[in-house]
Amino acid sequence: MPSPDKKSFLLRIDPQLWAEIERLAAAELRSANAQVEYLLRDALQARSIKVRAAKPAGGRKA
Protein backbone atom coordinates (compact mmCIF):
# COMPACT_ATOMS: atom_id res chain seq x y z
CA MET A 1 0.00 0.00 0.00
CA PRO A 2 1.47 3.37 -0.96
CA SER A 3 2.38 5.77 1.77
CA PRO A 4 0.05 8.81 1.80
CA ASP A 5 2.97 11.20 2.30
CA LYS A 6 4.86 9.92 -0.75
CA LYS A 7 4.47 11.04 -4.35
CA SER A 8 3.68 8.20 -6.72
CA PHE A 9 4.49 8.27 -10.43
CA LEU A 10 4.77 5.98 -13.42
CA LEU A 11 8.31 5.11 -14.47
CA ARG A 12 9.22 3.41 -17.72
CA ILE A 13 12.51 1.60 -17.24
CA ASP A 14 14.63 -0.85 -19.20
CA PRO A 15 13.90 -4.40 -18.00
CA GLN A 16 17.60 -5.22 -17.56
CA LEU A 17 18.12 -2.11 -15.44
CA TRP A 18 15.07 -3.00 -13.33
CA ALA A 19 16.40 -6.54 -12.84
CA GLU A 20 19.66 -5.10 -11.48
CA ILE A 21 17.77 -2.76 -9.15
CA GLU A 22 15.75 -5.71 -7.85
CA ARG A 23 18.92 -7.77 -7.39
CA LEU A 24 20.63 -4.96 -5.50
CA ALA A 25 17.52 -4.32 -3.40
CA ALA A 26 17.34 -7.98 -2.38
CA ALA A 27 21.03 -7.96 -1.44
CA GLU A 28 20.50 -4.87 0.73
CA LEU A 29 17.20 -6.10 2.21
CA ARG A 30 15.12 -3.30 0.65
CA SER A 31 12.11 -3.26 -1.62
CA ALA A 32 12.82 -2.29 -5.21
CA ASN A 33 10.92 0.96 -4.61
CA ALA A 34 13.03 1.79 -1.54
CA GLN A 35 16.16 0.95 -3.53
CA VAL A 36 15.21 3.39 -6.29
CA GLU A 37 14.60 6.11 -3.70
CA TYR A 38 17.95 5.29 -2.03
CA LEU A 39 19.79 5.48 -5.35
CA LEU A 40 18.14 8.79 -6.25
CA ARG A 41 19.05 10.30 -2.87
CA ASP A 42 22.62 9.01 -3.25
CA ALA A 43 22.89 10.53 -6.73
CA LEU A 44 21.65 13.91 -5.47
CA GLN A 45 24.04 13.81 -2.52
CA ALA A 46 26.94 13.07 -4.90
CA ARG A 47 26.02 16.33 -6.66
CA SER A 48 25.94 18.24 -3.34
CA ILE A 49 22.16 18.59 -3.43
CA LYS A 50 20.63 18.30 0.02
CA VAL A 51 17.24 16.67 0.41
CA ARG A 52 15.43 16.73 3.74
CA ALA A 53 14.95 13.33 5.32
CA ALA A 54 11.47 11.85 4.97
CA LYS A 55 9.20 12.05 7.98
CA PRO A 56 8.57 8.67 9.64
CA ALA A 57 5.33 7.04 8.48
CA GLY A 58 2.48 6.79 10.94
CA GLY A 59 3.43 9.82 12.97
CA ARG A 60 0.57 11.59 14.72
CA LYS A 61 0.17 15.26 15.39
CA ALA A 62 -0.86 16.31 18.89
C-alpha atoms as a PDB file:
ATOM      1  CA  MET A   1       0.000   0.000   0.000  1.00  0.00           C
ATOM      2  CA  PRO A   2       1.467   3.372  -0.965  1.00  0.00           C
ATOM      3  CA  SER A   3       2.377   5.773   1.766  1.00  0.00           C
ATOM      4  CA  PRO A   4       0.048   8.807   1.798  1.00  0.00           C
ATOM      5  CA  ASP A   5       2.974  11.198   2.302  1.00  0.00           C
ATOM      6  CA  LYS A   6       4.860   9.915  -0.752  1.00  0.00           C
ATOM      7  CA  LYS A   7       4.466  11.043  -4.353  1.00  0.00           C
ATOM      8  CA  SER A   8       3.677   8.200  -6.722  1.00  0.00           C
ATOM      9  CA  PHE A   9       4.490   8.273 -10.427  1.00  0.00           C
ATOM     10  CA  LEU A  10       4.774   5.982 -13.417  1.00  0.00           C
ATOM     11  CA  LEU A  11       8.309   5.106 -14.467  1.00  0.00           C
ATOM     12  CA  ARG A  12       9.220   3.413 -17.717  1.00  0.00           C
ATOM     13  CA  ILE A  13      12.512   1.598 -17.239  1.00  0.00           C
ATOM     14  CA  ASP A  14      14.635  -0.849 -19.198  1.00  0.00           C
ATOM     15  CA  PRO A  15      13.901  -4.398 -17.997  1.00  0.00           C
ATOM     16  CA  GLN A  16      17.603  -5.218 -17.561  1.00  0.00           C
ATOM     17  CA  LEU A  17      18.120  -2.114 -15.438  1.00  0.00           C
ATOM     18  CA  TRP A  18      15.069  -3.000 -13.329  1.00  0.00           C
ATOM     19  CA  ALA A  19      16.399  -6.541 -12.837  1.00  0.00           C
ATOM     20  CA  GLU A  20      19.662  -5.104 -11.483  1.00  0.00           C
ATOM     21  CA  ILE A  21      17.768  -2.755  -9.153  1.00  0.00           C
ATOM     22  CA  GLU A  22      15.745  -5.712  -7.845  1.00  0.00           C
ATOM     23  CA  ARG A  23      18.924  -7.771  -7.387  1.00  0.00           C
ATOM     24  CA  LEU A  24      20.633  -4.958  -5.495  1.00  0.00           C
ATOM     25  CA  ALA A  25      17.522  -4.320  -3.403  1.00  0.00           C
ATOM     26  CA  ALA A  26      17.345  -7.978  -2.381  1.00  0.00           C
ATOM     27  CA  ALA A  27      21.030  -7.961  -1.438  1.00  0.00           C
ATOM     28  CA  GLU A  28      20.499  -4.868   0.726  1.00  0.00           C
ATOM     29  CA  LEU A  29      17.198  -6.098   2.208  1.00  0.00           C
ATOM     30  CA  ARG A  30      15.120  -3.298   0.653  1.00  0.00           C
ATOM     31  CA  SER A  31      12.111  -3.260  -1.621  1.00  0.00           C
ATOM     32  CA  ALA A  32      12.822  -2.285  -5.210  1.00  0.00           C
ATOM     33  CA  ASN A  33      10.916   0.964  -4.610  1.00  0.00           C
ATOM     34  CA  ALA A  34      13.031   1.789  -1.540  1.00  0.00           C
ATOM     35  CA  GLN A  35      16.161   0.947  -3.533  1.00  0.00           C
ATOM     36  CA  VAL A  36      15.213   3.385  -6.295  1.00  0.00           C
ATOM     37  CA  GLU A  37      14.605   6.109  -3.697  1.00  0.00           C
ATOM     38  CA  TYR A  38      17.946   5.294  -2.027  1.00  0.00           C
ATOM     39  CA  LEU A  39      19.788   5.480  -5.354  1.00  0.00           C
ATOM     40  CA  LEU A  40      18.140   8.792  -6.249  1.00  0.00           C
ATOM     41  CA  ARG A  41      19.046  10.302  -2.869  1.00  0.00           C
ATOM     42  CA  ASP A  42      22.617   9.007  -3.248  1.00  0.00           C
ATOM     43  CA  ALA A  43      22.891  10.534  -6.731  1.00  0.00           C
ATOM     44  CA  LEU A  44      21.654  13.906  -5.471  1.00  0.00           C
ATOM     45  CA  GLN A  45      24.043  13.808  -2.518  1.00  0.00           C
ATOM     46  CA  ALA A  46      26.936  13.072  -4.904  1.00  0.00           C
ATOM     47  CA  ARG A  47      26.019  16.334  -6.658  1.00  0.00           C
ATOM     48  CA  SER A  48      25.935  18.238  -3.340  1.00  0.00           C
ATOM     49  CA  ILE A  49      22.158  18.591  -3.425  1.00  0.00           C
ATOM     50  CA  LYS A  50      20.631  18.304   0.016  1.00  0.00           C
ATOM     51  CA  VAL A  51      17.236  16.667   0.413  1.00  0.00           C
ATOM     52  CA  ARG A  52      15.431  16.725   3.736  1.00  0.00           C
ATOM     53  CA  ALA A  53      14.949  13.328   5.323  1.00  0.00           C
ATOM     54  CA  ALA A  54      11.474  11.852   4.972  1.00  0.00           C
ATOM     55  CA  LYS A  55       9.203  12.048   7.979  1.00  0.00           C
ATOM     56  CA  PRO A  56       8.573   8.666   9.639  1.00  0.00           C
ATOM     57  CA  ALA A  57       5.328   7.035   8.481  1.00  0.00           C
ATOM     58  CA  GLY A  58       2.477   6.786  10.936  1.00  0.00           C
ATOM     59  CA  GLY A  59       3.432   9.819  12.968  1.00  0.00           C
ATOM     60  CA  ARG A  60       0.574  11.587  14.716  1.00  0.00           C
ATOM     61  CA  LYS A  61       0.171  15.264  15.388  1.00  0.00           C
ATOM     62  CA  ALA A  62      -0.861  16.308  18.886  1.00  0.00           C
END
